[in-house]
Amino acid sequence: MKAIDIIHSEHRALAAVLQALRFLLDEIGAGRLQPDPDLLGHMIEYITQVPDKLHHPKEDEVLFRILREHVPEACSLIDKLQADHVEGARHTGQLETALARYRSEGGPAFAAFETLARGYVDAMTRHIRLEEAELLPLARKGLSATDWAEIDAAFEANRDPWSGPTGEYRTLYSRIVNLVPAPYGLG
């Protein structure tokens, strides 16, 4: 069940970026920070690349497929989680568009970006909790060692969610951490 540890790590990395984004939005809303389009762009790039293109496909193509085959009581939950994946990818596309609009139009366009960003943070936080609290316990209980061998092989391709399979996200994650003010970053 090495995959469970990797999933937890990927969830923690995403949760850190989501918490930092929520913190920035709160600080901007309170007037203590000004929106930093570059930092926000890095954060959106991370949530687009890591969950949408790395994490969710492994869940959809391997974990969820095997769970559907061997744990039928998980099927409705998997349907919900897969719908969340589709919605999340749509949502990140909207975030990219809203940030581009804010970059070109300035101040007034930030409200639309903020609304979308808060909605995304809330939805992904709920999604992670659902996977952690309901799906992973079902998987632990219902899957065999053979099932886990296949799942582990798929997830081990990305042992470091902060860096990505070939280190491609290491610089991006470092930029985020260095630009986000404390307590969520080093900036």
N, C-alpha and C. Protein backbone atom coordinates (compact mmCIF):
# COMPACT_ATOMS: atom_id res chain seq x y z
N MET A 1 0.82 -1.21 0.00
CA MET A 1 0.00 0.00 0.00
C MET A 1 0.85 1.26 0.00
N LYS A 2 1.96 1.22 -0.72
CA LYS A 2 2.81 2.41 -0.83
C LYS A 2 2.04 3.56 -1.48
N ALA A 3 1.12 3.21 -2.36
CA ALA A 3 0.35 4.24 -3.06
C ALA A 3 -0.41 5.13 -2.09
N ILE A 4 -0.88 4.57 -0.99
CA ILE A 4 -1.63 5.39 -0.02
C ILE A 4 -0.73 6.48 0.55
N ASP A 5 0.51 6.15 0.88
CA ASP A 5 1.43 7.17 1.37
C ASP A 5 1.68 8.23 0.32
N ILE A 6 1.81 7.81 -0.93
CA ILE A 6 2.05 8.76 -2.02
C ILE A 6 0.82 9.65 -2.22
N ILE A 7 -0.36 9.06 -2.16
CA ILE A 7 -1.60 9.85 -2.29
C ILE A 7 -1.68 10.86 -1.15
N HIS A 8 -1.40 10.43 0.08
CA HIS A 8 -1.39 11.36 1.21
C HIS A 8 -0.41 12.50 0.96
N SER A 9 0.79 12.19 0.48
CA SER A 9 1.80 13.22 0.21
C SER A 9 1.33 14.18 -0.88
N GLU A 10 0.74 13.63 -1.93
CA GLU A 10 0.22 14.49 -3.00
C GLU A 10 -0.89 15.38 -2.48
N HIS A 11 -1.76 14.83 -1.64
CA HIS A 11 -2.82 15.63 -1.04
C HIS A 11 -2.24 16.73 -0.16
N ARG A 12 -1.21 16.41 0.63
CA ARG A 12 -0.59 17.43 1.50
C ARG A 12 0.04 18.55 0.67
N ALA A 13 0.71 18.20 -0.42
CA ALA A 13 1.32 19.22 -1.27
C ALA A 13 0.26 20.13 -1.88
N LEU A 14 -0.81 19.54 -2.39
CA LEU A 14 -1.89 20.34 -2.95
C LEU A 14 -2.56 21.17 -1.86
N ALA A 15 -2.81 20.57 -0.70
CA ALA A 15 -3.45 21.30 0.40
C ALA A 15 -2.61 22.49 0.83
N ALA A 16 -1.29 22.35 0.81
CA ALA A 16 -0.42 23.46 1.17
C ALA A 16 -0.60 24.63 0.21
N VAL A 17 -0.67 24.34 -1.08
CA VAL A 17 -0.88 25.40 -2.06
C VAL A 17 -2.28 25.99 -1.91
N LEU A 18 -3.28 25.15 -1.67
CA LEU A 18 -4.65 25.64 -1.48
C LEU A 18 -4.75 26.53 -0.24
N GLN A 19 -4.13 26.11 0.86
CA GLN A 19 -4.15 26.93 2.08
C GLN A 19 -3.44 28.26 1.86
N ALA A 20 -2.32 28.21 1.14
CA ALA A 20 -1.60 29.44 0.84
C ALA A 20 -2.44 30.37 -0.03
N LEU A 21 -3.14 29.80 -1.00
CA LEU A 21 -4.01 30.61 -1.86
C LEU A 21 -5.13 31.24 -1.04
N ARG A 22 -5.76 30.45 -0.16
CA ARG A 22 -6.83 31.00 0.70
C ARG A 22 -6.27 32.13 1.57
N PHE A 23 -5.08 31.92 2.14
CA PHE A 23 -4.44 32.93 2.98
C PHE A 23 -4.22 34.22 2.17
N LEU A 24 -3.68 34.09 0.96
CA LEU A 24 -3.46 35.28 0.13
C LEU A 24 -4.76 36.02 -0.16
N LEU A 25 -5.80 35.26 -0.51
CA LEU A 25 -7.09 35.89 -0.79
C LEU A 25 -7.64 36.61 0.43
N ASP A 26 -7.47 36.00 1.61
CA ASP A 26 -7.93 36.63 2.85
C ASP A 26 -7.15 37.92 3.12
N GLU A 27 -5.82 37.85 2.92
CA GLU A 27 -4.97 39.03 3.17
C GLU A 27 -5.27 40.14 2.16
N ILE A 28 -5.51 39.77 0.92
CA ILE A 28 -5.88 40.76 -0.09
C ILE A 28 -7.22 41.37 0.26
N GLY A 29 -8.18 40.53 0.65
CA GLY A 29 -9.50 41.01 1.03
C GLY A 29 -9.47 41.95 2.22
N ALA A 30 -8.54 41.71 3.14
CA ALA A 30 -8.40 42.55 4.33
C ALA A 30 -7.57 43.79 4.06
N GLY A 31 -7.01 43.91 2.84
CA GLY A 31 -6.21 45.07 2.49
C GLY A 31 -4.77 45.03 2.98
N ARG A 32 -4.33 43.88 3.49
CA ARG A 32 -2.95 43.77 3.98
C ARG A 32 -1.96 43.40 2.88
N LEU A 33 -2.45 42.87 1.77
CA LEU A 33 -1.61 42.54 0.62
C LEU A 33 -2.29 43.03 -0.64
N GLN A 34 -1.47 43.29 -1.65
CA GLN A 34 -1.97 43.58 -2.98
C GLN A 34 -1.90 42.30 -3.81
N PRO A 35 -2.81 42.09 -4.73
CA PRO A 35 -2.74 40.90 -5.59
C PRO A 35 -1.42 40.87 -6.36
N ASP A 36 -0.78 39.72 -6.37
CA ASP A 36 0.46 39.52 -7.11
C ASP A 36 0.14 38.54 -8.25
N PRO A 37 -0.09 39.05 -9.45
CA PRO A 37 -0.49 38.18 -10.55
C PRO A 37 0.53 37.08 -10.86
N ASP A 38 1.82 37.37 -10.67
CA ASP A 38 2.82 36.34 -10.94
C ASP A 38 2.71 35.19 -9.94
N LEU A 39 2.59 35.52 -8.66
CA LEU A 39 2.44 34.48 -7.64
C LEU A 39 1.15 33.69 -7.88
N LEU A 40 0.07 34.38 -8.13
CA LEU A 40 -1.20 33.70 -8.38
C LEU A 40 -1.09 32.82 -9.63
N GLY A 41 -0.37 33.29 -10.62
CA GLY A 41 -0.15 32.49 -11.83
C GLY A 41 0.64 31.23 -11.53
N HIS A 42 1.66 31.32 -10.69
CA HIS A 42 2.44 30.13 -10.30
C HIS A 42 1.55 29.13 -9.57
N MET A 43 0.70 29.64 -8.70
CA MET A 43 -0.18 28.75 -7.94
C MET A 43 -1.17 28.04 -8.86
N ILE A 44 -1.72 28.78 -9.80
CA ILE A 44 -2.66 28.16 -10.75
C ILE A 44 -1.92 27.16 -11.63
N GLU A 45 -0.71 27.48 -12.02
CA GLU A 45 0.07 26.53 -12.81
C GLU A 45 0.29 25.24 -12.03
N TYR A 46 0.62 25.35 -10.75
CA TYR A 46 0.84 24.15 -9.93
C TYR A 46 -0.44 23.32 -9.83
N ILE A 47 -1.57 23.97 -9.52
CA ILE A 47 -2.80 23.20 -9.35
C ILE A 47 -3.31 22.65 -10.68
N THR A 48 -2.92 23.26 -11.77
CA THR A 48 -3.29 22.73 -13.08
C THR A 48 -2.41 21.54 -13.43
N GLN A 49 -1.12 21.68 -13.19
CA GLN A 49 -0.19 20.62 -13.58
C GLN A 49 -0.25 19.41 -12.66
N VAL A 50 -0.21 19.62 -11.37
CA VAL A 50 -0.07 18.48 -10.45
C VAL A 50 -1.38 17.72 -10.27
N PRO A 51 -2.46 18.31 -9.78
CA PRO A 51 -3.68 17.51 -9.63
C PRO A 51 -4.29 17.09 -10.97
N ASP A 52 -4.45 18.07 -11.87
CA ASP A 52 -5.19 17.79 -13.11
C ASP A 52 -4.44 16.86 -14.06
N LYS A 53 -3.12 16.96 -14.11
CA LYS A 53 -2.37 16.20 -15.12
C LYS A 53 -1.54 15.07 -14.56
N LEU A 54 -1.34 15.03 -13.24
CA LEU A 54 -0.49 14.01 -12.65
C LEU A 54 -1.26 13.12 -11.68
N HIS A 55 -1.89 13.74 -10.69
CA HIS A 55 -2.55 13.00 -9.61
C HIS A 55 -3.87 12.36 -10.05
N HIS A 56 -4.77 13.16 -10.57
CA HIS A 56 -6.10 12.63 -10.91
C HIS A 56 -6.08 11.56 -11.99
N PRO A 57 -5.25 11.67 -13.03
CA PRO A 57 -5.22 10.59 -14.01
C PRO A 57 -4.82 9.23 -13.41
N LYS A 58 -3.88 9.24 -12.46
CA LYS A 58 -3.49 7.97 -11.81
C LYS A 58 -4.66 7.41 -11.01
N GLU A 59 -5.39 8.29 -10.35
CA GLU A 59 -6.56 7.81 -9.61
C GLU A 59 -7.60 7.26 -10.57
N ASP A 60 -7.93 8.03 -11.60
CA ASP A 60 -8.97 7.62 -12.54
C ASP A 60 -8.62 6.32 -13.27
N GLU A 61 -7.40 6.24 -13.77
CA GLU A 61 -7.02 5.13 -14.64
C GLU A 61 -6.60 3.87 -13.89
N VAL A 62 -6.15 4.01 -12.66
CA VAL A 62 -5.65 2.84 -11.94
C VAL A 62 -6.45 2.57 -10.67
N LEU A 63 -6.35 3.46 -9.70
CA LEU A 63 -7.00 3.22 -8.41
C LEU A 63 -8.51 3.04 -8.57
N PHE A 64 -9.17 3.97 -9.22
CA PHE A 64 -10.62 3.90 -9.35
C PHE A 64 -11.05 2.69 -10.19
N ARG A 65 -10.31 2.41 -11.24
CA ARG A 65 -10.64 1.25 -12.08
C ARG A 65 -10.59 -0.05 -11.27
N ILE A 66 -9.54 -0.21 -10.50
CA ILE A 66 -9.39 -1.44 -9.71
C ILE A 66 -10.43 -1.48 -8.60
N LEU A 67 -10.70 -0.36 -7.98
CA LEU A 67 -11.73 -0.31 -6.94
C LEU A 67 -13.10 -0.68 -7.52
N ARG A 68 -13.43 -0.17 -8.70
CA ARG A 68 -14.72 -0.51 -9.32
C ARG A 68 -14.85 -2.02 -9.53
N GLU A 69 -13.73 -2.65 -9.92
CA GLU A 69 -13.75 -4.10 -10.18
C GLU A 69 -13.92 -4.92 -8.91
N HIS A 70 -13.33 -4.48 -7.81
CA HIS A 70 -13.25 -5.33 -6.61
C HIS A 70 -14.03 -4.82 -5.40
N VAL A 71 -14.47 -3.57 -5.43
CA VAL A 71 -15.19 -3.01 -4.29
C VAL A 71 -16.43 -2.28 -4.83
N PRO A 72 -17.48 -3.04 -5.17
CA PRO A 72 -18.65 -2.43 -5.81
C PRO A 72 -19.32 -1.33 -4.97
N GLU A 73 -19.21 -1.44 -3.65
CA GLU A 73 -19.84 -0.40 -2.81
C GLU A 73 -19.14 0.96 -2.95
N ALA A 74 -18.00 1.00 -3.61
CA ALA A 74 -17.28 2.26 -3.82
C ALA A 74 -17.70 2.97 -5.10
N CYS A 75 -18.51 2.32 -5.94
CA CYS A 75 -18.80 2.86 -7.27
C CYS A 75 -19.47 4.23 -7.25
N SER A 76 -20.46 4.46 -6.40
CA SER A 76 -21.11 5.77 -6.39
C SER A 76 -20.16 6.85 -5.88
N LEU A 77 -19.32 6.51 -4.92
CA LEU A 77 -18.32 7.46 -4.43
C LEU A 77 -17.31 7.78 -5.54
N ILE A 78 -16.88 6.76 -6.26
CA ILE A 78 -15.95 6.96 -7.37
C ILE A 78 -16.58 7.85 -8.45
N ASP A 79 -17.86 7.63 -8.74
CA ASP A 79 -18.55 8.49 -9.71
C ASP A 79 -18.48 9.96 -9.28
N LYS A 80 -18.72 10.21 -8.00
CA LYS A 80 -18.67 11.57 -7.46
C LYS A 80 -17.26 12.14 -7.59
N LEU A 81 -16.24 11.34 -7.21
CA LEU A 81 -14.87 11.82 -7.25
C LEU A 81 -14.41 12.08 -8.69
N GLN A 82 -14.81 11.23 -9.61
CA GLN A 82 -14.44 11.45 -11.02
C GLN A 82 -15.13 12.69 -11.57
N ALA A 83 -16.37 12.93 -11.16
CA ALA A 83 -17.05 14.16 -11.57
C ALA A 83 -16.31 15.38 -10.99
N ASP A 84 -15.81 15.26 -9.77
CA ASP A 84 -15.01 16.33 -9.17
C ASP A 84 -13.75 16.58 -10.00
N HIS A 85 -13.11 15.52 -10.49
CA HIS A 85 -11.90 15.68 -11.30
C HIS A 85 -12.21 16.47 -12.57
N VAL A 86 -13.30 16.13 -13.22
CA VAL A 86 -13.69 16.84 -14.45
C VAL A 86 -14.00 18.30 -14.12
N GLU A 87 -14.76 18.51 -13.06
CA GLU A 87 -15.12 19.87 -12.66
C GLU A 87 -13.88 20.65 -12.24
N GLY A 88 -12.95 20.01 -11.55
CA GLY A 88 -11.72 20.68 -11.13
C GLY A 88 -10.90 21.16 -12.32
N ALA A 89 -10.79 20.33 -13.35
CA ALA A 89 -10.05 20.71 -14.54
C ALA A 89 -10.74 21.88 -15.26
N ARG A 90 -12.05 21.84 -15.30
CA ARG A 90 -12.81 22.95 -15.90
C ARG A 90 -12.58 24.23 -15.08
N HIS A 91 -12.60 24.06 -13.78
CA HIS A 91 -12.44 25.19 -12.87
C HIS A 91 -11.05 25.83 -13.00
N THR A 92 -10.01 25.00 -13.13
CA THR A 92 -8.66 25.58 -13.28
C THR A 92 -8.55 26.35 -14.60
N GLY A 93 -9.21 25.86 -15.62
CA GLY A 93 -9.24 26.61 -16.89
C GLY A 93 -9.90 27.98 -16.71
N GLN A 94 -10.98 28.01 -15.94
CA GLN A 94 -11.65 29.28 -15.66
C GLN A 94 -10.75 30.21 -14.84
N LEU A 95 -10.00 29.62 -13.91
CA LEU A 95 -9.07 30.43 -13.11
C LEU A 95 -8.00 31.07 -13.99
N GLU A 96 -7.46 30.30 -14.92
CA GLU A 96 -6.45 30.84 -15.84
C GLU A 96 -7.03 32.01 -16.64
N THR A 97 -8.24 31.84 -17.13
CA THR A 97 -8.89 32.89 -17.91
C THR A 97 -9.16 34.13 -17.05
N ALA A 98 -9.64 33.92 -15.83
CA ALA A 98 -9.94 35.04 -14.94
C ALA A 98 -8.66 35.78 -14.53
N LEU A 99 -7.58 35.06 -14.33
CA LEU A 99 -6.32 35.73 -13.99
C LEU A 99 -5.80 36.53 -15.19
N ALA A 100 -5.90 35.96 -16.38
CA ALA A 100 -5.48 36.70 -17.58
C ALA A 100 -6.30 37.98 -17.73
N ARG A 101 -7.58 37.88 -17.44
CA ARG A 101 -8.45 39.06 -17.51
C ARG A 101 -8.02 40.10 -16.47
N TYR A 102 -7.71 39.64 -15.25
CA TYR A 102 -7.25 40.56 -14.22
C TYR A 102 -5.94 41.23 -14.64
N ARG A 103 -5.03 40.46 -15.22
CA ARG A 103 -3.75 41.03 -15.69
C ARG A 103 -3.99 42.13 -16.73
N SER A 104 -4.96 41.92 -17.61
CA SER A 104 -5.17 42.91 -18.68
C SER A 104 -6.06 44.07 -18.25
N GLU A 105 -7.02 43.82 -17.37
CA GLU A 105 -7.99 44.87 -17.01
C GLU A 105 -7.70 45.53 -15.67
N GLY A 106 -6.98 44.83 -14.80
CA GLY A 106 -6.66 45.41 -13.50
C GLY A 106 -7.73 45.19 -12.45
N GLY A 107 -7.67 46.03 -11.44
CA GLY A 107 -8.43 45.94 -10.20
C GLY A 107 -9.82 45.36 -10.22
N PRO A 108 -10.75 45.93 -10.97
CA PRO A 108 -12.13 45.44 -10.91
C PRO A 108 -12.28 43.96 -11.30
N ALA A 109 -11.40 43.46 -12.14
CA ALA A 109 -11.50 42.06 -12.58
C ALA A 109 -11.02 41.09 -11.52
N PHE A 110 -10.40 41.60 -10.46
CA PHE A 110 -9.90 40.70 -9.42
C PHE A 110 -11.05 40.01 -8.69
N ALA A 111 -12.17 40.67 -8.52
CA ALA A 111 -13.30 40.09 -7.78
C ALA A 111 -13.77 38.79 -8.43
N ALA A 112 -13.83 38.74 -9.74
CA ALA A 112 -14.25 37.52 -10.43
C ALA A 112 -13.23 36.41 -10.23
N PHE A 113 -11.94 36.77 -10.30
CA PHE A 113 -10.89 35.78 -10.04
C PHE A 113 -11.01 35.26 -8.61
N GLU A 114 -11.19 36.15 -7.67
CA GLU A 114 -11.26 35.75 -6.26
C GLU A 114 -12.44 34.80 -6.01
N THR A 115 -13.58 35.10 -6.58
CA THR A 115 -14.75 34.24 -6.41
C THR A 115 -14.46 32.84 -6.94
N LEU A 116 -13.90 32.77 -8.14
CA LEU A 116 -13.55 31.46 -8.71
C LEU A 116 -12.50 30.74 -7.87
N ALA A 117 -11.49 31.47 -7.42
CA ALA A 117 -10.42 30.85 -6.64
C ALA A 117 -10.95 30.31 -5.32
N ARG A 118 -11.77 31.06 -4.64
CA ARG A 118 -12.34 30.58 -3.38
C ARG A 118 -13.21 29.34 -3.61
N GLY A 119 -13.98 29.35 -4.67
CA GLY A 119 -14.81 28.19 -5.00
C GLY A 119 -13.96 26.96 -5.28
N TYR A 120 -12.85 27.16 -6.00
CA TYR A 120 -11.95 26.04 -6.30
C TYR A 120 -11.31 25.51 -5.02
N VAL A 121 -10.81 26.39 -4.18
CA VAL A 121 -10.18 25.97 -2.92
C VAL A 121 -11.17 25.16 -2.09
N ASP A 122 -12.39 25.65 -1.95
CA ASP A 122 -13.39 24.94 -1.15
C ASP A 122 -13.72 23.58 -1.76
N ALA A 123 -13.90 23.53 -3.07
CA ALA A 123 -14.25 22.27 -3.73
C ALA A 123 -13.13 21.25 -3.61
N MET A 124 -11.89 21.68 -3.83
CA MET A 124 -10.77 20.74 -3.74
C MET A 124 -10.53 20.28 -2.31
N THR A 125 -10.75 21.16 -1.35
CA THR A 125 -10.60 20.77 0.06
C THR A 125 -11.63 19.69 0.41
N ARG A 126 -12.86 19.88 -0.03
CA ARG A 126 -13.90 18.85 0.21
C ARG A 126 -13.53 17.55 -0.50
N HIS A 127 -13.02 17.65 -1.71
CA HIS A 127 -12.65 16.48 -2.49
C HIS A 127 -11.55 15.67 -1.79
N ILE A 128 -10.53 16.36 -1.34
CA ILE A 128 -9.44 15.68 -0.64
C ILE A 128 -9.96 14.99 0.62
N ARG A 129 -10.78 15.69 1.38
CA ARG A 129 -11.35 15.09 2.60
C ARG A 129 -12.15 13.83 2.29
N LEU A 130 -12.92 13.86 1.22
CA LEU A 130 -13.74 12.72 0.83
C LEU A 130 -12.85 11.53 0.46
N GLU A 131 -11.82 11.78 -0.30
CA GLU A 131 -10.90 10.69 -0.65
C GLU A 131 -10.22 10.13 0.60
N GLU A 132 -9.76 11.01 1.47
CA GLU A 132 -9.04 10.57 2.67
C GLU A 132 -9.96 9.84 3.65
N ALA A 133 -11.15 10.37 3.87
CA ALA A 133 -12.04 9.82 4.89
C ALA A 133 -12.86 8.63 4.43
N GLU A 134 -13.19 8.57 3.14
CA GLU A 134 -14.08 7.51 2.68
C GLU A 134 -13.45 6.55 1.67
N LEU A 135 -12.81 7.10 0.65
CA LEU A 135 -12.30 6.23 -0.41
C LEU A 135 -11.11 5.38 0.04
N LEU A 136 -10.11 6.02 0.62
CA LEU A 136 -8.92 5.26 0.99
C LEU A 136 -9.20 4.17 2.03
N PRO A 137 -10.07 4.40 3.02
CA PRO A 137 -10.42 3.29 3.91
C PRO A 137 -11.09 2.11 3.18
N LEU A 138 -11.93 2.41 2.19
CA LEU A 138 -12.55 1.34 1.39
C LEU A 138 -11.48 0.58 0.60
N ALA A 139 -10.54 1.32 0.05
CA ALA A 139 -9.47 0.69 -0.72
C ALA A 139 -8.60 -0.19 0.18
N ARG A 140 -8.25 0.33 1.34
CA ARG A 140 -7.43 -0.44 2.28
C ARG A 140 -8.10 -1.76 2.65
N LYS A 141 -9.37 -1.67 2.88
CA LYS A 141 -10.13 -2.84 3.34
C LYS A 141 -10.44 -3.83 2.21
N GLY A 142 -10.72 -3.31 1.02
CA GLY A 142 -11.27 -4.17 -0.02
C GLY A 142 -10.32 -4.67 -1.09
N LEU A 143 -9.10 -4.16 -1.14
CA LEU A 143 -8.19 -4.55 -2.22
C LEU A 143 -7.15 -5.55 -1.73
N SER A 144 -6.74 -6.41 -2.64
CA SER A 144 -5.76 -7.46 -2.33
C SER A 144 -4.33 -6.96 -2.54
N ALA A 145 -3.37 -7.75 -2.12
CA ALA A 145 -1.96 -7.42 -2.32
C ALA A 145 -1.64 -7.30 -3.82
N THR A 146 -2.26 -8.13 -4.63
CA THR A 146 -2.05 -8.06 -6.08
C THR A 146 -2.58 -6.74 -6.63
N ASP A 147 -3.76 -6.34 -6.15
CA ASP A 147 -4.33 -5.05 -6.56
C ASP A 147 -3.38 -3.92 -6.18
N TRP A 148 -2.87 -3.97 -4.96
CA TRP A 148 -1.99 -2.92 -4.48
C TRP A 148 -0.69 -2.88 -5.25
N ALA A 149 -0.20 -4.00 -5.70
CA ALA A 149 1.05 -4.02 -6.47
C ALA A 149 0.89 -3.18 -7.74
N GLU A 150 -0.24 -3.33 -8.43
CA GLU A 150 -0.49 -2.56 -9.65
C GLU A 150 -0.67 -1.07 -9.32
N ILE A 151 -1.41 -0.78 -8.28
CA ILE A 151 -1.65 0.61 -7.88
C ILE A 151 -0.34 1.26 -7.44
N ASP A 152 0.43 0.54 -6.63
CA ASP A 152 1.71 1.07 -6.16
C ASP A 152 2.63 1.41 -7.33
N ALA A 153 2.69 0.53 -8.31
CA ALA A 153 3.56 0.76 -9.47
C ALA A 153 3.19 2.06 -10.19
N ALA A 154 1.90 2.31 -10.32
CA ALA A 154 1.46 3.53 -11.00
C ALA A 154 1.81 4.78 -10.18
N PHE A 155 1.60 4.72 -8.89
CA PHE A 155 1.82 5.90 -8.06
C PHE A 155 3.29 6.13 -7.73
N GLU A 156 4.09 5.09 -7.74
CA GLU A 156 5.51 5.26 -7.43
C GLU A 156 6.25 6.06 -8.49
N ALA A 157 5.65 6.22 -9.65
CA ALA A 157 6.28 7.04 -10.68
C ALA A 157 6.44 8.48 -10.19
N ASN A 158 5.66 8.88 -9.19
CA ASN A 158 5.76 10.23 -8.64
C ASN A 158 5.86 10.14 -7.12
N ARG A 159 7.04 9.86 -6.64
CA ARG A 159 7.23 9.73 -5.20
C ARG A 159 7.30 11.08 -4.50
N ASP A 160 7.62 12.13 -5.24
CA ASP A 160 7.80 13.44 -4.64
C ASP A 160 6.84 14.44 -5.28
N PRO A 161 5.67 14.66 -4.68
CA PRO A 161 4.68 15.54 -5.29
C PRO A 161 5.11 17.00 -5.33
N TRP A 162 6.10 17.36 -4.56
CA TRP A 162 6.59 18.73 -4.59
C TRP A 162 7.47 18.94 -5.82
N SER A 163 8.03 17.87 -6.35
CA SER A 163 8.96 17.98 -7.48
C SER A 163 8.38 17.46 -8.79
N GLY A 164 7.52 16.47 -8.75
CA GLY A 164 7.04 15.83 -9.97
C GLY A 164 7.92 14.65 -10.34
N PRO A 165 7.47 13.82 -11.26
CA PRO A 165 8.19 12.59 -11.61
C PRO A 165 9.64 12.83 -12.04
N THR A 166 9.88 13.92 -12.74
CA THR A 166 11.25 14.18 -13.21
C THR A 166 11.80 15.48 -12.64
N GLY A 167 11.20 15.97 -11.57
CA GLY A 167 11.67 17.20 -10.93
C GLY A 167 11.16 18.48 -11.56
N GLU A 168 10.23 18.34 -12.51
CA GLU A 168 9.77 19.51 -13.26
C GLU A 168 9.00 20.53 -12.42
N TYR A 169 8.48 20.13 -11.27
CA TYR A 169 7.70 21.06 -10.45
C TYR A 169 8.49 21.60 -9.27
N ARG A 170 9.70 21.13 -9.08
CA ARG A 170 10.52 21.56 -7.93
C ARG A 170 10.69 23.08 -7.93
N THR A 171 11.07 23.65 -9.07
CA THR A 171 11.29 25.10 -9.15
C THR A 171 9.99 25.85 -8.94
N LEU A 172 8.91 25.37 -9.54
CA LEU A 172 7.61 26.01 -9.40
C LEU A 172 7.17 26.01 -7.94
N TYR A 173 7.25 24.87 -7.28
CA TYR A 173 6.84 24.79 -5.88
C TYR A 173 7.73 25.70 -5.03
N SER A 174 9.03 25.72 -5.30
CA SER A 174 9.96 26.59 -4.56
C SER A 174 9.59 28.06 -4.76
N ARG A 175 9.25 28.45 -5.99
CA ARG A 175 8.84 29.84 -6.24
C ARG A 175 7.62 30.20 -5.40
N ILE A 176 6.65 29.29 -5.36
CA ILE A 176 5.43 29.54 -4.59
C ILE A 176 5.79 29.73 -3.12
N VAL A 177 6.54 28.80 -2.57
CA VAL A 177 6.88 28.85 -1.14
C VAL A 177 7.68 30.12 -0.83
N ASN A 178 8.55 30.53 -1.73
CA ASN A 178 9.38 31.70 -1.47
C ASN A 178 8.63 33.02 -1.67
N LEU A 179 7.55 33.01 -2.41
CA LEU A 179 6.78 34.22 -2.65
C LEU A 179 5.61 34.40 -1.68
N VAL A 180 5.07 33.29 -1.18
CA VAL A 180 3.93 33.38 -0.27
C VAL A 180 4.44 33.86 1.10
N PRO A 181 3.80 34.87 1.65
CA PRO A 181 4.22 35.35 2.97
C PRO A 181 3.98 34.31 4.06
N ALA A 182 4.73 34.44 5.16
CA ALA A 182 4.50 33.58 6.32
C ALA A 182 3.08 33.83 6.81
N PRO A 183 2.41 32.88 7.37
CA PRO A 183 2.88 31.61 7.88
C PRO A 183 2.86 30.47 6.86
N TYR A 184 2.39 30.69 5.64
CA TYR A 184 2.27 29.62 4.66
C TYR A 184 3.45 29.52 3.72
N GLY A 185 4.30 30.51 3.72
CA GLY A 185 5.46 30.50 2.87
C GLY A 185 6.63 31.16 3.55
N LEU A 186 7.66 31.42 2.78
CA LEU A 186 8.88 32.02 3.32
C LEU A 186 9.04 33.48 2.96
N GLY A 187 8.18 33.97 2.03
CA GLY A 187 8.30 35.33 1.53
C GLY A 187 7.94 36.38 2.55
